[in-house]
Amino acid sequence: MRGVNRGSSAWDGGLNVNDEIISMDGMRVGDDLERRIAGMAVGDTAEVVISRDGNLQSLKIKMLGDASVRYQFIKLPNSTPVQSQIFNKWLEVGSN
């Protein structure tokens, strides 16, 4: 794993950065991991075998809802020059 978000299923289930996921529910994991996770429902539990520092470990990971937060920046159609300046600064428009 390259990253584990606080409050996610992975975080609560005990996964750490650099853990290698070997299998999920008894099936070897390849490039299908995201598809298999997407097929699970909130509340389902997966038995995950990982390799951490060369040692195999088994974790039970309960699927949680998506708690991530997303933001969207929308330029106002009648923005003032100051609002436009702030918008451009946030998006680093015109900066080198």
PDB file of N, CA and C in Angstrom:
ATOM      1  N   MET A   1       0.846  -1.168   0.000  1.00  0.00           N
ATOM      2  CA  MET A   1       0.000   0.000   0.000  1.00  0.00           C
ATOM      3  C   MET A   1       0.897   1.238   0.000  1.00  0.00           C
ATOM      4  N   ARG A   2       0.536   2.194  -0.831  1.00  0.00           N
ATOM      5  CA  ARG A   2       1.311   3.427  -0.907  1.00  0.00           C
ATOM      6  C   ARG A   2       0.793   4.479   0.055  1.00  0.00           C
ATOM      7  N   GLY A   3      -0.462   4.373   0.446  1.00  0.00           N
ATOM      8  CA  GLY A   3      -1.040   5.338   1.362  1.00  0.00           C
ATOM      9  C   GLY A   3      -2.260   4.751   2.038  1.00  0.00           C
ATOM     10  N   VAL A   4      -2.468   5.123   3.288  1.00  0.00           N
ATOM     11  CA  VAL A   4      -3.632   4.667   4.039  1.00  0.00           C
ATOM     12  C   VAL A   4      -4.272   5.897   4.669  1.00  0.00           C
ATOM     13  N   ASN A   5      -5.499   6.165   4.306  1.00  0.00           N
ATOM     14  CA  ASN A   5      -6.199   7.349   4.816  1.00  0.00           C
ATOM     15  C   ASN A   5      -6.800   7.079   6.185  1.00  0.00           C
ATOM     16  N   ARG A   6      -6.553   7.999   7.089  1.00  0.00           N
ATOM     17  CA  ARG A   6      -7.114   7.904   8.443  1.00  0.00           C
ATOM     18  C   ARG A   6      -8.634   7.802   8.355  1.00  0.00           C
ATOM     19  N   GLY A   7      -9.214   6.868   9.106  1.00  0.00           N
ATOM     20  CA  GLY A   7     -10.660   6.692   9.136  1.00  0.00           C
ATOM     21  C   GLY A   7     -11.200   5.800   8.030  1.00  0.00           C
ATOM     22  N   SER A   8     -10.330   5.296   7.159  1.00  0.00           N
ATOM     23  CA  SER A   8     -10.770   4.415   6.071  1.00  0.00           C
ATOM     24  C   SER A   8     -10.874   2.973   6.576  1.00  0.00           C
ATOM     25  N   SER A   9     -11.455   2.120   5.760  1.00  0.00           N
ATOM     26  CA  SER A   9     -11.524   0.693   6.090  1.00  0.00           C
ATOM     27  C   SER A   9     -10.127   0.129   6.304  1.00  0.00           C
ATOM     28  N   ALA A  10      -9.193   0.499   5.423  1.00  0.00           N
ATOM     29  CA  ALA A  10      -7.813   0.012   5.535  1.00  0.00           C
ATOM     30  C   ALA A  10      -7.183   0.452   6.855  1.00  0.00           C
ATOM     31  N   TRP A  11      -7.366   1.726   7.206  1.00  0.00           N
ATOM     32  CA  TRP A  11      -6.804   2.263   8.449  1.00  0.00           C
ATOM     33  C   TRP A  11      -7.380   1.526   9.657  1.00  0.00           C
ATOM     34  N   ASP A  12      -8.702   1.452   9.710  1.00  0.00           N
ATOM     35  CA  ASP A  12      -9.353   0.798  10.852  1.00  0.00           C
ATOM     36  C   ASP A  12      -9.040  -0.694  10.913  1.00  0.00           C
ATOM     37  N   GLY A  13      -8.778  -1.304   9.746  1.00  0.00           N
ATOM     38  CA  GLY A  13      -8.466  -2.728   9.701  1.00  0.00           C
ATOM     39  C   GLY A  13      -7.025  -3.062  10.027  1.00  0.00           C
ATOM     40  N   GLY A  14      -6.174  -2.037  10.147  1.00  0.00           N
ATOM     41  CA  GLY A  14      -4.791  -2.271  10.553  1.00  0.00           C
ATOM     42  C   GLY A  14      -3.770  -2.287   9.425  1.00  0.00           C
ATOM     43  N   LEU A  15      -4.164  -1.925   8.204  1.00  0.00           N
ATOM     44  CA  LEU A  15      -3.190  -1.869   7.112  1.00  0.00           C
ATOM     45  C   LEU A  15      -2.259  -0.682   7.290  1.00  0.00           C
ATOM     46  N   ASN A  16      -1.013  -0.862   6.903  1.00  0.00           N
ATOM     47  CA  ASN A  16      -0.006   0.194   6.990  1.00  0.00           C
ATOM     48  C   ASN A  16       0.593   0.456   5.621  1.00  0.00           C
ATOM     49  N   VAL A  17       1.198   1.622   5.485  1.00  0.00           N
ATOM     50  CA  VAL A  17       1.953   1.936   4.276  1.00  0.00           C
ATOM     51  C   VAL A  17       3.030   0.864   4.115  1.00  0.00           C
ATOM     52  N   ASN A  18       3.258   0.455   2.885  1.00  0.00           N
ATOM     53  CA  ASN A  18       4.248  -0.563   2.509  1.00  0.00           C
ATOM     54  C   ASN A  18       3.801  -1.995   2.781  1.00  0.00           C
ATOM     55  N   ASP A  19       2.589  -2.214   3.321  1.00  0.00           N
ATOM     56  CA  ASP A  19       2.070  -3.574   3.425  1.00  0.00           C
ATOM     57  C   ASP A  19       1.789  -4.080   2.010  1.00  0.00           C
ATOM     58  N   GLU A  20       2.096  -5.336   1.761  1.00  0.00           N
ATOM     59  CA  GLU A  20       1.777  -5.955   0.471  1.00  0.00           C
ATOM     60  C   GLU A  20       0.568  -6.851   0.681  1.00  0.00           C
ATOM     61  N   ILE A  21      -0.514  -6.570  -0.033  1.00  0.00           N
ATOM     62  CA  ILE A  21      -1.717  -7.389   0.081  1.00  0.00           C
ATOM     63  C   ILE A  21      -1.519  -8.625  -0.783  1.00  0.00           C
ATOM     64  N   ILE A  22      -1.581  -9.786  -0.149  1.00  0.00           N
ATOM     65  CA  ILE A  22      -1.330 -11.064  -0.815  1.00  0.00           C
ATOM     66  C   ILE A  22      -2.644 -11.692  -1.287  1.00  0.00           C
ATOM     67  N   SER A  23      -3.620 -11.759  -0.389  1.00  0.00           N
ATOM     68  CA  SER A  23      -4.889 -12.385  -0.751  1.00  0.00           C
ATOM     69  C   SER A  23      -6.035 -11.714  -0.019  1.00  0.00           C
ATOM     70  N   MET A  24      -7.226 -11.919  -0.577  1.00  0.00           N
ATOM     71  CA  MET A  24      -8.447 -11.382   0.024  1.00  0.00           C
ATOM     72  C   MET A  24      -9.492 -12.488  -0.050  1.00  0.00           C
ATOM     73  N   ASP A  25     -10.010 -12.864   1.102  1.00  0.00           N
ATOM     74  CA  ASP A  25     -11.004 -13.939   1.205  1.00  0.00           C
ATOM     75  C   ASP A  25     -10.530 -15.211   0.509  1.00  0.00           C
ATOM     76  N   GLY A  26      -9.260 -15.548   0.720  1.00  0.00           N
ATOM     77  CA  GLY A  26      -8.703 -16.800   0.224  1.00  0.00           C
ATOM     78  C   GLY A  26      -8.289 -16.801  -1.234  1.00  0.00           C
ATOM     79  N   MET A  27      -8.460 -15.675  -1.921  1.00  0.00           N
ATOM     80  CA  MET A  27      -8.095 -15.594  -3.336  1.00  0.00           C
ATOM     81  C   MET A  27      -6.909 -14.648  -3.499  1.00  0.00           C
ATOM     82  N   ARG A  28      -5.896 -15.103  -4.239  1.00  0.00           N
ATOM     83  CA  ARG A  28      -4.717 -14.260  -4.480  1.00  0.00           C
ATOM     84  C   ARG A  28      -5.136 -12.959  -5.148  1.00  0.00           C
ATOM     85  N   VAL A  29      -4.528 -11.864  -4.715  1.00  0.00           N
ATOM     86  CA  VAL A  29      -4.846 -10.540  -5.253  1.00  0.00           C
ATOM     87  C   VAL A  29      -3.843 -10.183  -6.326  1.00  0.00           C
ATOM     88  N   GLY A  30      -4.350  -9.686  -7.442  1.00  0.00           N
ATOM     89  CA  GLY A  30      -3.503  -9.182  -8.514  1.00  0.00           C
ATOM     90  C   GLY A  30      -3.921  -7.748  -8.792  1.00  0.00           C
ATOM     91  N   ASP A  31      -4.117  -7.456 -10.062  1.00  0.00           N
ATOM     92  CA  ASP A  31      -4.540  -6.107 -10.423  1.00  0.00           C
ATOM     93  C   ASP A  31      -6.058  -5.932 -10.290  1.00  0.00           C
ATOM     94  N   ASP A  32      -6.730  -6.915  -9.693  1.00  0.00           N
ATOM     95  CA  ASP A  32      -8.185  -6.865  -9.528  1.00  0.00           C
ATOM     96  C   ASP A  32      -8.628  -6.386  -8.151  1.00  0.00           C
ATOM     97  N   LEU A  33      -7.710  -5.904  -7.325  1.00  0.00           N
ATOM     98  CA  LEU A  33      -8.051  -5.545  -5.954  1.00  0.00           C
ATOM     99  C   LEU A  33      -9.143  -4.480  -5.885  1.00  0.00           C
ATOM    100  N   GLU A  34      -8.992  -3.407  -6.637  1.00  0.00           N
ATOM    101  CA  GLU A  34      -9.990  -2.330  -6.590  1.00  0.00           C
ATOM    102  C   GLU A  34     -11.361  -2.819  -7.033  1.00  0.00           C
ATOM    103  N   ARG A  35     -11.412  -3.661  -8.053  1.00  0.00           N
ATOM    104  CA  ARG A  35     -12.681  -4.206  -8.533  1.00  0.00           C
ATOM    105  C   ARG A  35     -13.327  -5.074  -7.461  1.00  0.00           C
ATOM    106  N   ARG A  36     -12.523  -5.870  -6.783  1.00  0.00           N
ATOM    107  CA  ARG A  36     -13.068  -6.742  -5.740  1.00  0.00           C
ATOM    108  C   ARG A  36     -13.588  -5.934  -4.563  1.00  0.00           C
ATOM    109  N   ILE A  37     -12.870  -4.877  -4.197  1.00  0.00           N
ATOM    110  CA  ILE A  37     -13.336  -4.016  -3.103  1.00  0.00           C
ATOM    111  C   ILE A  37     -14.623  -3.310  -3.503  1.00  0.00           C
ATOM    112  N   ALA A  38     -14.692  -2.849  -4.746  1.00  0.00           N
ATOM    113  CA  ALA A  38     -15.889  -2.146  -5.219  1.00  0.00           C
ATOM    114  C   ALA A  38     -17.113  -3.051  -5.208  1.00  0.00           C
ATOM    115  N   GLY A  39     -16.906  -4.350  -5.313  1.00  0.00           N
ATOM    116  CA  GLY A  39     -18.007  -5.306  -5.303  1.00  0.00           C
ATOM    117  C   GLY A  39     -18.523  -5.633  -3.914  1.00  0.00           C
ATOM    118  N   MET A  40     -17.905  -5.083  -2.903  1.00  0.00           N
ATOM    119  CA  MET A  40     -18.335  -5.341  -1.528  1.00  0.00           C
ATOM    120  C   MET A  40     -19.272  -4.234  -1.059  1.00  0.00           C
ATOM    121  N   ALA A  41     -20.114  -4.577  -0.106  1.00  0.00           N
ATOM    122  CA  ALA A  41     -21.061  -3.612   0.453  1.00  0.00           C
ATOM    123  C   ALA A  41     -20.538  -3.088   1.785  1.00  0.00           C
ATOM    124  N   VAL A  42     -20.996  -1.913   2.147  1.00  0.00           N
ATOM    125  CA  VAL A  42     -20.664  -1.353   3.464  1.00  0.00           C
ATOM    126  C   VAL A  42     -21.128  -2.350   4.521  1.00  0.00           C
ATOM    127  N   GLY A  43     -20.234  -2.656   5.469  1.00  0.00           N
ATOM    128  CA  GLY A  43     -20.544  -3.614   6.528  1.00  0.00           C
ATOM    129  C   GLY A  43     -19.974  -4.996   6.270  1.00  0.00           C
ATOM    130  N   ASP A  44     -19.657  -5.334   5.004  1.00  0.00           N
ATOM    131  CA  ASP A  44     -19.025  -6.618   4.695  1.00  0.00           C
ATOM    132  C   ASP A  44     -17.632  -6.656   5.316  1.00  0.00           C
ATOM    133  N   THR A  45     -17.159  -7.850   5.626  1.00  0.00           N
ATOM    134  CA  THR A  45     -15.821  -8.023   6.186  1.00  0.00           C
ATOM    135  C   THR A  45     -15.006  -8.910   5.252  1.00  0.00           C
ATOM    136  N   ALA A  46     -13.768  -8.524   5.031  1.00  0.00           N
ATOM    137  CA  ALA A  46     -12.851  -9.298   4.187  1.00  0.00           C
ATOM    138  C   ALA A  46     -11.701  -9.811   5.041  1.00  0.00           C
ATOM    139  N   GLU A  47     -11.323 -11.036   4.786  1.00  0.00           N
ATOM    140  CA  GLU A  47     -10.137 -11.628   5.407  1.00  0.00           C
ATOM    141  C   GLU A  47      -8.977 -11.340   4.469  1.00  0.00           C
ATOM    142  N   VAL A  48      -8.030 -10.529   4.914  1.00  0.00           N
ATOM    143  CA  VAL A  48      -6.933 -10.075   4.062  1.00  0.00           C
ATOM    144  C   VAL A  48      -5.611 -10.588   4.629  1.00  0.00           C
ATOM    145  N   VAL A  49      -4.822 -11.223   3.773  1.00  0.00           N
ATOM    146  CA  VAL A  49      -3.480 -11.667   4.162  1.00  0.00           C
ATOM    147  C   VAL A  49      -2.496 -10.676   3.558  1.00  0.00           C
ATOM    148  N   ILE A  50      -1.616 -10.172   4.420  1.00  0.00           N
ATOM    149  CA  ILE A  50      -0.624  -9.190   3.988  1.00  0.00           C
ATOM    150  C   ILE A  50       0.773  -9.682   4.324  1.00  0.00           C
ATOM    151  N   SER A  51       1.740  -9.085   3.647  1.00  0.00           N
ATOM    152  CA  SER A  51       3.137  -9.266   4.009  1.00  0.00           C
ATOM    153  C   SER A  51       3.620  -7.926   4.552  1.00  0.00           C
ATOM    154  N   ARG A  52       4.079  -7.942   5.805  1.00  0.00           N
ATOM    155  CA  ARG A  52       4.613  -6.734   6.447  1.00  0.00           C
ATOM    156  C   ARG A  52       6.005  -7.059   6.960  1.00  0.00           C
ATOM    157  N   ASP A  53       6.990  -6.375   6.406  1.00  0.00           N
ATOM    158  CA  ASP A  53       8.387  -6.593   6.799  1.00  0.00           C
ATOM    159  C   ASP A  53       8.776  -8.065   6.676  1.00  0.00           C
ATOM    160  N   GLY A  54       8.248  -8.742   5.632  1.00  0.00           N
ATOM    161  CA  GLY A  54       8.600 -10.134   5.383  1.00  0.00           C
ATOM    162  C   GLY A  54       7.787 -11.148   6.163  1.00  0.00           C
ATOM    163  N   ASN A  55       6.892 -10.697   7.027  1.00  0.00           N
ATOM    164  CA  ASN A  55       6.066 -11.601   7.823  1.00  0.00           C
ATOM    165  C   ASN A  55       4.624 -11.573   7.324  1.00  0.00           C
ATOM    166  N   LEU A  56       4.001 -12.757   7.184  1.00  0.00           N
ATOM    167  CA  LEU A  56       2.606 -12.832   6.783  1.00  0.00           C
ATOM    168  C   LEU A  56       1.708 -12.569   7.979  1.00  0.00           C
ATOM    169  N   GLN A  57       0.668 -11.793   7.751  1.00  0.00           N
ATOM    170  CA  GLN A  57      -0.321 -11.502   8.800  1.00  0.00           C
ATOM    171  C   GLN A  57      -1.702 -11.571   8.183  1.00  0.00           C
ATOM    172  N   SER A  58      -2.667 -11.959   8.991  1.00  0.00           N
ATOM    173  CA  SER A  58      -4.053 -12.005   8.548  1.00  0.00           C
ATOM    174  C   SER A  58      -4.836 -10.916   9.279  1.00  0.00           C
ATOM    175  N   LEU A  59      -5.588 -10.130   8.515  1.00  0.00           N
ATOM    176  CA  LEU A  59      -6.386  -9.045   9.081  1.00  0.00           C
ATOM    177  C   LEU A  59      -7.840  -9.195   8.639  1.00  0.00           C
ATOM    178  N   LYS A  60      -8.756  -8.861   9.512  1.00  0.00           N
ATOM    179  CA  LYS A  60     -10.165  -8.782   9.142  1.00  0.00           C
ATOM    180  C   LYS A  60     -10.480  -7.304   8.946  1.00  0.00           C
ATOM    181  N   ILE A  61     -10.918  -6.967   7.747  1.00  0.00           N
ATOM    182  CA  ILE A  61     -11.166  -5.566   7.420  1.00  0.00           C
ATOM    183  C   ILE A  61     -12.637  -5.386   7.083  1.00  0.00           C
ATOM    184  N   LYS A  62     -13.296  -4.543   7.864  1.00  0.00           N
ATOM    185  CA  LYS A  62     -14.715  -4.249   7.658  1.00  0.00           C
ATOM    186  C   LYS A  62     -14.837  -3.075   6.698  1.00  0.00           C
ATOM    187  N   MET A  63     -15.671  -3.236   5.683  1.00  0.00           N
ATOM    188  CA  MET A  63     -15.876  -2.179   4.690  1.00  0.00           C
ATOM    189  C   MET A  63     -16.726  -1.057   5.285  1.00  0.00           C
ATOM    190  N   LEU A  64     -16.182   0.133   5.245  1.00  0.00           N
ATOM    191  CA  LEU A  64     -16.863   1.318   5.746  1.00  0.00           C
ATOM    192  C   LEU A  64     -17.329   2.156   4.564  1.00  0.00           C
ATOM    193  N   GLY A  65     -18.191   3.097   4.826  1.00  0.00           N
ATOM    194  CA  GLY A  65     -18.606   4.031   3.788  1.00  0.00           C
ATOM    195  C   GLY A  65     -17.469   4.963   3.437  1.00  0.00           C
ATOM    196  N   ASP A  66     -17.555   5.598   2.295  1.00  0.00           N
ATOM    197  CA  ASP A  66     -16.531   6.532   1.844  1.00  0.00           C
ATOM    198  C   ASP A  66     -16.628   7.810   2.666  1.00  0.00           C
ATOM    199  N   ALA A  67     -15.615   8.075   3.473  1.00  0.00           N
ATOM    200  CA  ALA A  67     -15.615   9.258   4.340  1.00  0.00           C
ATOM    201  C   ALA A  67     -14.752  10.379   3.770  1.00  0.00           C
ATOM    202  N   SER A  68     -14.281  10.200   2.547  1.00  0.00           N
ATOM    203  CA  SER A  68     -13.413  11.230   1.977  1.00  0.00           C
ATOM    204  C   SER A  68     -14.218  12.487   1.669  1.00  0.00           C
ATOM    205  N   VAL A  69     -13.516  13.593   1.698  1.00  0.00           N
ATOM    206  CA  VAL A  69     -14.136  14.891   1.438  1.00  0.00           C
ATOM    207  C   VAL A  69     -13.558  15.433   0.143  1.00  0.00           C
ATOM    208  N   ARG A  70     -14.427  15.934  -0.704  1.00  0.00           N
ATOM    209  CA  ARG A  70     -13.979  16.509  -1.971  1.00  0.00           C
ATOM    210  C   ARG A  70     -14.486  17.935  -2.064  1.00  0.00           C
ATOM    211  N   TYR A  71     -13.663  18.785  -2.634  1.00  0.00           N
ATOM    212  CA  TYR A  71     -14.015  20.189  -2.802  1.00  0.00           C
ATOM    213  C   TYR A  71     -14.010  20.535  -4.275  1.00  0.00           C
ATOM    214  N   GLN A  72     -14.820  21.505  -4.626  1.00  0.00           N
ATOM    215  CA  GLN A  72     -14.867  21.971  -6.006  1.00  0.00           C
ATOM    216  C   GLN A  72     -14.781  23.482  -5.989  1.00  0.00           C
ATOM    217  N   PHE A  73     -13.892  24.022  -6.813  1.00  0.00           N
ATOM    218  CA  PHE A  73     -13.744  25.465  -6.937  1.00  0.00           C
ATOM    219  C   PHE A  73     -14.442  25.908  -8.210  1.00  0.00           C
ATOM    220  N   ILE A  74     -15.378  26.829  -8.053  1.00  0.00           N
ATOM    221  CA  ILE A  74     -16.132  27.338  -9.194  1.00  0.00           C
ATOM    222  C   ILE A  74     -15.969  28.847  -9.234  1.00  0.00           C
ATOM    223  N   LYS A  75     -15.558  29.339 -10.366  1.00  0.00           N
ATOM    224  CA  LYS A  75     -15.395  30.782 -10.521  1.00  0.00           C
ATOM    225  C   LYS A  75     -16.771  31.422 -10.664  1.00  0.00           C
ATOM    226  N   LEU A  76     -17.027  32.431  -9.850  1.00  0.00           N
ATOM    227  CA  LEU A  76     -18.301  33.142  -9.918  1.00  0.00           C
ATOM    228  C   LEU A  76     -18.386  33.930 -11.224  1.00  0.00           C
ATOM    229  N   PRO A  77     -19.544  33.921 -11.877  1.00  0.00           N
ATOM    230  CA  PRO A  77     -19.651  34.633 -13.148  1.00  0.00           C
ATOM    231  C   PRO A  77     -19.463  36.141 -13.013  1.00  0.00           C
ATOM    232  N   ASN A  78     -19.844  36.715 -11.892  1.00  0.00           N
ATOM    233  CA  ASN A  78     -19.725  38.165 -11.667  1.00  0.00           C
ATOM    234  C   ASN A  78     -18.753  38.448 -10.529  1.00  0.00           C
ATOM    235  N   SER A  79     -17.616  37.760 -10.533  1.00  0.00           N
ATOM    236  CA  SER A  79     -16.671  37.914  -9.430  1.00  0.00           C
ATOM    237  C   SER A  79     -15.989  39.277  -9.480  1.00  0.00           C
ATOM    238  N   THR A  80     -15.672  39.771  -8.293  1.00  0.00           N
ATOM    239  CA  THR A  80     -14.940  41.028  -8.182  1.00  0.00           C
ATOM    240  C   THR A  80     -13.476  40.764  -8.529  1.00  0.00           C
ATOM    241  N   PRO A  81     -12.696  41.800  -8.796  1.00  0.00           N
ATOM    242  CA  PRO A  81     -11.264  41.584  -9.068  1.00  0.00           C
ATOM    243  C   PRO A  81     -10.552  40.864  -7.918  1.00  0.00           C
ATOM    244  N   VAL A  82     -10.922  41.161  -6.684  1.00  0.00           N
ATOM    245  CA  VAL A  82     -10.295  40.500  -5.526  1.00  0.00           C
ATOM    246  C   VAL A  82     -10.679  39.024  -5.497  1.00  0.00           C
ATOM    247  N   GLN A  83     -11.943  38.710  -5.756  1.00  0.00           N
ATOM    248  CA  GLN A  83     -12.370  37.310  -5.790  1.00  0.00           C
ATOM    249  C   GLN A  83     -11.650  36.554  -6.902  1.00  0.00           C
ATOM    250  N   SER A  84     -11.510  37.181  -8.067  1.00  0.00           N
ATOM    251  CA  SER A  84     -10.784  36.548  -9.179  1.00  0.00           C
ATOM    252  C   SER A  84      -9.333  36.312  -8.810  1.00  0.00           C
ATOM    253  N   GLN A  85      -8.724  37.276  -8.123  1.00  0.00           N
ATOM    254  CA  GLN A  85      -7.334  37.132  -7.701  1.00  0.00           C
ATOM    255  C   GLN A  85      -7.183  35.964  -6.728  1.00  0.00           C
ATOM    256  N   ILE A  86      -8.089  35.852  -5.776  1.00  0.00           N
ATOM    257  CA  ILE A  86      -8.044  34.747  -4.802  1.00  0.00           C
ATOM    258  C   ILE A  86      -8.252  33.416  -5.513  1.00  0.00           C
ATOM    259  N   PHE A  87      -9.235  33.360  -6.409  1.00  0.00           N
ATOM    260  CA  PHE A  87      -9.502  32.139  -7.177  1.00  0.00           C
ATOM    261  C   PHE A  87      -8.253  31.711  -7.943  1.00  0.00           C
ATOM    262  N   ASN A  88      -7.633  32.648  -8.641  1.00  0.00           N
ATOM    263  CA  ASN A  88      -6.435  32.340  -9.423  1.00  0.00           C
ATOM    264  C   ASN A  88      -5.277  31.903  -8.536  1.00  0.00           C
ATOM    265  N   LYS A  89      -5.158  32.506  -7.366  1.00  0.00           N
ATOM    266  CA  LYS A  89      -4.083  32.127  -6.443  1.00  0.00           C
ATOM    267  C   LYS A  89      -4.282  30.694  -5.952  1.00  0.00           C
ATOM    268  N   TRP A  90      -5.526  30.339  -5.610  1.00  0.00           N
ATOM    269  CA  TRP A  90      -5.822  28.977  -5.155  1.00  0.00           C
ATOM    270  C   TRP A  90      -5.450  27.966  -6.222  1.00  0.00           C
ATOM    271  N   LEU A  91      -5.731  28.271  -7.460  1.00  0.00           N
ATOM    272  CA  LEU A  91      -5.470  27.340  -8.548  1.00  0.00           C
ATOM    273  C   LEU A  91      -4.098  27.537  -9.175  1.00  0.00           C
ATOM    274  N   GLU A  92      -3.343  28.504  -8.662  1.00  0.00           N
ATOM    275  CA  GLU A  92      -2.007  28.821  -9.151  1.00  0.00           C
ATOM    276  C   GLU A  92      -2.046  29.153 -10.643  1.00  0.00           C
ATOM    277  N   VAL A  93      -3.118  29.841 -11.052  1.00  0.00           N
ATOM    278  CA  VAL A  93      -3.269  30.251 -12.452  1.00  0.00           C
ATOM    279  C   VAL A  93      -2.345  31.424 -12.695  1.00  0.00           C
ATOM    280  N   GLY A  94      -1.555  31.340 -13.717  1.00  0.00           N
ATOM    281  CA  GLY A  94      -0.675  32.420 -14.095  1.00  0.00           C
ATOM    282  C   GLY A  94       0.601  32.500 -13.291  1.00  0.00           C
ATOM    283  N   SER A  95       0.846  31.527 -12.397  1.00  0.00           N
ATOM    284  CA  SER A  95       2.107  31.560 -11.641  1.00  0.00           C
ATOM    285  C   SER A  95       3.089  30.605 -12.282  1.00  0.00           C
ATOM    286  N   ASN A  96       4.363  30.912 -12.128  1.00  0.00           N
ATOM    287  CA  ASN A  96       5.425  30.064 -12.710  1.00  0.00           C
ATOM    288  C   ASN A  96       6.097  29.255 -11.652  1.00  0.00           C
TER     289      ASN A  96
END
